Amino acid sequence: MHDALGLALKRIDRDDMGIPAKLYPITRSHTEDSPTIVVINPSISAGRPVLGGTGVATRMIFERCRAGEFRNPHHRLDRTLEHGIQAKIIA
């Protein structure tokens, strides 16, 4: 339990005053392997999960996937989109 809490706390970026500024949610069942592509930042998209550096909401990616947009067998999702969809499914 202590190790899991330590890993989760490492996924929080703090500002100069030590206040949490960004959270990188765990998007995989193995926390140590979970990438930091999805970010929750209160100053971006009202704190909703987005793909870091893009501002694209994970919900939007998930909804488009659910609507069948990515079902084309020739359309390969890049890793960033895959993490966004996975994060929304887990959330």
Protein backbone atom coordinates (compact mmCIF):
# COMPACT_ATOMS: atom_id res chain seq x y z
CA MET A 1 0.00 0.00 0.00
CA HIS A 2 2.80 2.40 0.89
CA ASP A 3 4.51 1.81 -2.48
CA ALA A 4 1.30 2.46 -4.41
CA LEU A 5 0.72 5.72 -2.56
CA GLY A 6 4.31 6.80 -3.22
CA LEU A 7 3.94 6.09 -6.95
CA ALA A 8 0.69 8.05 -7.08
CA LEU A 9 2.20 11.04 -5.28
CA LYS A 10 5.06 11.14 -7.78
CA ARG A 11 2.46 11.79 -10.49
CA ILE A 12 1.62 15.22 -9.06
CA ASP A 13 3.52 18.30 -10.27
CA ARG A 14 3.65 21.13 -7.76
CA ASP A 15 4.20 24.84 -8.29
CA ASP A 16 6.95 26.91 -6.61
CA MET A 17 4.89 27.14 -3.42
CA GLY A 18 4.34 23.38 -3.24
CA ILE A 19 0.69 23.56 -4.29
CA PRO A 20 -0.43 20.77 -6.66
CA ALA A 21 -0.63 22.19 -10.20
CA LYS A 22 -0.92 19.13 -12.44
CA LEU A 23 -1.97 15.54 -11.94
CA TYR A 24 -1.05 12.73 -14.29
CA PRO A 25 -3.76 10.09 -13.74
CA ILE A 26 -2.93 6.42 -13.76
CA THR A 27 -4.08 5.07 -17.13
CA ARG A 28 -2.84 1.51 -16.79
CA SER A 29 -3.35 -1.25 -14.26
CA HIS A 30 0.39 -1.19 -13.52
CA THR A 31 1.04 2.26 -12.09
CA GLU A 32 4.78 2.18 -12.69
CA ASP A 33 4.17 1.64 -16.43
CA SER A 34 1.48 4.30 -16.76
CA PRO A 35 2.56 7.12 -19.11
CA THR A 36 2.14 10.82 -18.33
CA ILE A 37 0.38 11.74 -21.56
CA VAL A 38 -2.99 12.51 -19.95
CA VAL A 39 -2.92 15.50 -17.60
CA ILE A 40 -5.41 17.13 -15.25
CA ASN A 41 -4.68 20.81 -14.76
CA PRO A 42 -7.23 23.15 -13.14
CA SER A 43 -6.17 25.96 -15.50
CA ILE A 44 -6.84 23.90 -18.66
CA SER A 45 -10.33 22.78 -19.66
CA ALA A 46 -11.64 23.39 -16.12
CA GLY A 47 -9.56 20.51 -14.79
CA ARG A 48 -10.93 17.86 -17.15
CA PRO A 49 -8.46 15.22 -18.39
CA VAL A 50 -6.73 16.31 -21.59
CA LEU A 51 -3.85 15.09 -23.71
CA GLY A 52 -0.82 16.97 -22.46
CA GLY A 53 0.41 19.72 -24.73
CA THR A 54 -2.74 19.67 -26.85
CA GLY A 55 -5.69 20.59 -24.66
CA VAL A 56 -7.73 17.89 -26.42
CA ALA A 57 -10.19 16.39 -23.95
CA THR A 58 -9.98 12.63 -23.46
CA ARG A 59 -13.78 12.56 -23.45
CA MET A 60 -13.84 13.92 -27.02
CA ILE A 61 -11.44 11.22 -28.19
CA PHE A 62 -13.42 8.52 -26.40
CA GLU A 63 -16.73 9.71 -27.87
CA ARG A 64 -15.32 9.81 -31.39
CA CYS A 65 -13.94 6.30 -30.97
CA ARG A 66 -17.25 5.06 -29.58
CA ALA A 67 -19.03 6.59 -32.58
CA GLY A 68 -16.88 4.43 -34.84
CA GLU A 69 -14.52 7.02 -36.21
CA PHE A 70 -11.45 4.86 -35.62
CA ARG A 71 -12.89 1.55 -36.87
CA ASN A 72 -11.23 1.80 -40.27
CA PRO A 73 -8.66 -1.05 -40.29
CA HIS A 74 -6.24 1.19 -42.19
CA HIS A 75 -6.47 3.93 -39.56
CA ARG A 76 -3.82 3.36 -36.93
CA LEU A 77 -4.21 5.25 -33.67
CA ASP A 78 -1.03 6.81 -32.44
CA ARG A 79 -0.02 6.13 -28.84
CA THR A 80 -1.24 9.51 -27.60
CA LEU A 81 -4.79 8.84 -28.78
CA GLU A 82 -4.69 5.32 -27.40
CA HIS A 83 -3.74 6.67 -23.96
CA GLY A 84 -6.49 9.25 -24.15
CA ILE A 85 -9.10 6.61 -24.90
CA GLN A 86 -7.74 4.28 -22.26
CA ALA A 87 -7.77 7.05 -19.65
CA LYS A 88 -11.41 7.84 -20.38
CA ILE A 89 -12.39 4.17 -20.15
CA ILE A 90 -10.69 3.81 -16.77
CA ALA A 91 -12.07 7.11 -15.41
